[in-house]
C-alpha cells in the first residue's frame, strides 16, 4: 500500500480534554498546542497565527484561510463537520 504523506495524521480532536482559557474564551489543547473556538468551530494556532479546521477525511488540521480566501471553495466549511459525524460508515 502507498501511504499519503502530504499531511501529518492526527488523532481526532477530543475537546473534552481541552483546558478552558478564560482570558481568550477558547479551549486550549495541550497535545497539539491549538486553541479551539466553540462558536466558530475553528482551531487557532498561536505560533503560526492561523485558524485551522479539522478535516475528518484526511485526519489533519487544514488552514481555514485557504477556504475563505476564495469564496466558492466550500469543501472545507466547518459546517461539514456535523454531517461527517453521521456518515462515519461511508468510505471513499
Protein backbone atom coordinates (compact mmCIF):
# COMPACT_ATOMS: atom_id res chain seq x y z
CA UNK A 1 0.00 0.00 0.00
CA UNK A 2 1.09 3.57 -0.71
CA UNK A 3 0.86 5.94 2.21
CA UNK A 4 -0.14 9.54 1.56
CA UNK A 5 2.31 11.65 3.49
CA UNK A 6 1.37 15.13 2.37
CA UNK A 7 -0.31 15.68 5.76
CA UNK A 8 0.54 14.57 9.23
CA UNK A 9 -2.12 12.32 10.66
CA UNK A 10 -3.57 13.34 14.00
CA UNK A 11 -5.92 11.64 16.39
CA UNK A 12 -9.44 13.05 16.19
CA UNK A 13 -9.57 16.14 18.42
CA UNK A 14 -11.16 15.41 21.80
CA UNK A 15 -12.46 18.75 23.00
CA UNK A 16 -13.36 17.27 26.39
CA UNK A 17 -9.65 17.09 27.23
CA UNK A 18 -9.08 20.76 26.43
CA UNK A 19 -8.43 23.32 29.13
CA UNK A 20 -10.71 26.33 29.14
CA UNK A 21 -8.79 29.58 28.90
CA UNK A 22 -10.82 32.36 30.49
CA UNK A 23 -8.74 35.19 29.03
CA UNK A 24 -9.42 34.24 25.41
CA UNK A 25 -12.64 32.30 25.89
CA UNK A 26 -11.05 29.50 23.88
CA UNK A 27 -10.25 25.96 24.85
CA UNK A 28 -6.58 25.04 24.83
CA UNK A 29 -5.36 21.64 23.69
CA UNK A 30 -2.06 20.81 25.41
CA UNK A 31 -1.44 17.95 22.97
CA UNK A 32 -1.39 19.98 19.77
CA UNK A 33 -0.94 23.42 21.31
CA UNK A 34 -4.04 24.65 19.48
CA UNK A 35 -6.85 26.78 20.77
CA UNK A 36 -10.41 25.81 19.94
CA UNK A 37 -13.22 28.30 19.48
CA UNK A 38 -16.51 26.54 20.19
CA UNK A 39 -18.53 29.29 18.49
CA UNK A 40 -16.89 29.10 15.07
CA UNK A 41 -15.59 25.52 15.47
CA UNK A 42 -12.19 26.73 14.35
CA UNK A 43 -8.87 25.87 15.90
CA UNK A 44 -6.27 28.56 16.32
CA UNK A 45 -2.53 28.04 16.15
CA UNK A 46 -0.96 30.83 18.18
CA UNK A 47 2.53 30.17 16.84
CA UNK A 48 1.71 30.47 13.15
CA UNK A 49 -1.29 32.72 13.89
CA UNK A 50 -3.52 30.68 11.62
CA UNK A 51 -7.04 29.47 12.01
CA UNK A 52 -7.44 25.80 11.22
CA UNK A 53 -10.33 23.42 10.93
CA UNK A 54 -10.36 19.68 11.39
CA UNK A 55 -10.62 17.66 8.19
CA UNK A 56 -12.11 14.32 9.20
CA UNK A 57 -11.33 12.61 5.91
CA UNK A 58 -7.64 13.47 5.89
CA UNK A 59 -7.32 13.29 9.67
CA UNK A 60 -5.46 16.57 9.81
CA UNK A 61 -5.86 20.25 10.55
CA UNK A 62 -6.25 22.39 7.45
CA UNK A 63 -5.69 26.18 7.41
CA UNK A 64 -9.07 27.88 7.32
CA UNK A 65 -7.77 30.84 5.35
CA UNK A 66 -7.27 28.71 2.26
CA UNK A 67 -11.02 28.26 2.08
CA UNK A 68 -12.23 31.76 2.87
CA UNK A 69 -9.66 33.33 0.55
CA UNK A 70 -11.68 32.18 -2.43
CA UNK A 71 -15.34 32.21 -1.60
CA UNK A 72 -16.62 29.49 -3.90
CA UNK A 73 -14.47 26.73 -2.46
CA UNK A 74 -16.71 25.33 0.23
CA UNK A 75 -15.25 21.85 0.53
CA UNK A 76 -13.76 22.64 3.90
CA UNK A 77 -16.51 24.60 5.57
CA UNK A 78 -16.70 23.70 9.26
CA UNK A 79 -20.44 23.09 8.93
CA UNK A 80 -19.48 19.90 7.09
CA UNK A 81 -18.32 18.51 10.42
CA UNK A 82 -21.75 17.62 11.73
CA UNK A 83 -22.64 15.86 8.51
CA UNK A 84 -19.44 13.86 8.56
CA UNK A 85 -20.03 12.56 12.05
CA UNK A 86 -23.29 10.98 10.93
CA UNK A 87 -21.63 9.49 7.87
CA UNK A 88 -18.76 7.74 9.65
CA UNK A 89 -19.63 4.43 7.97
CA UNK A 90 -19.20 5.88 4.48
CA UNK A 91 -15.81 5.12 2.96
CA UNK A 92 -14.25 6.58 -0.14
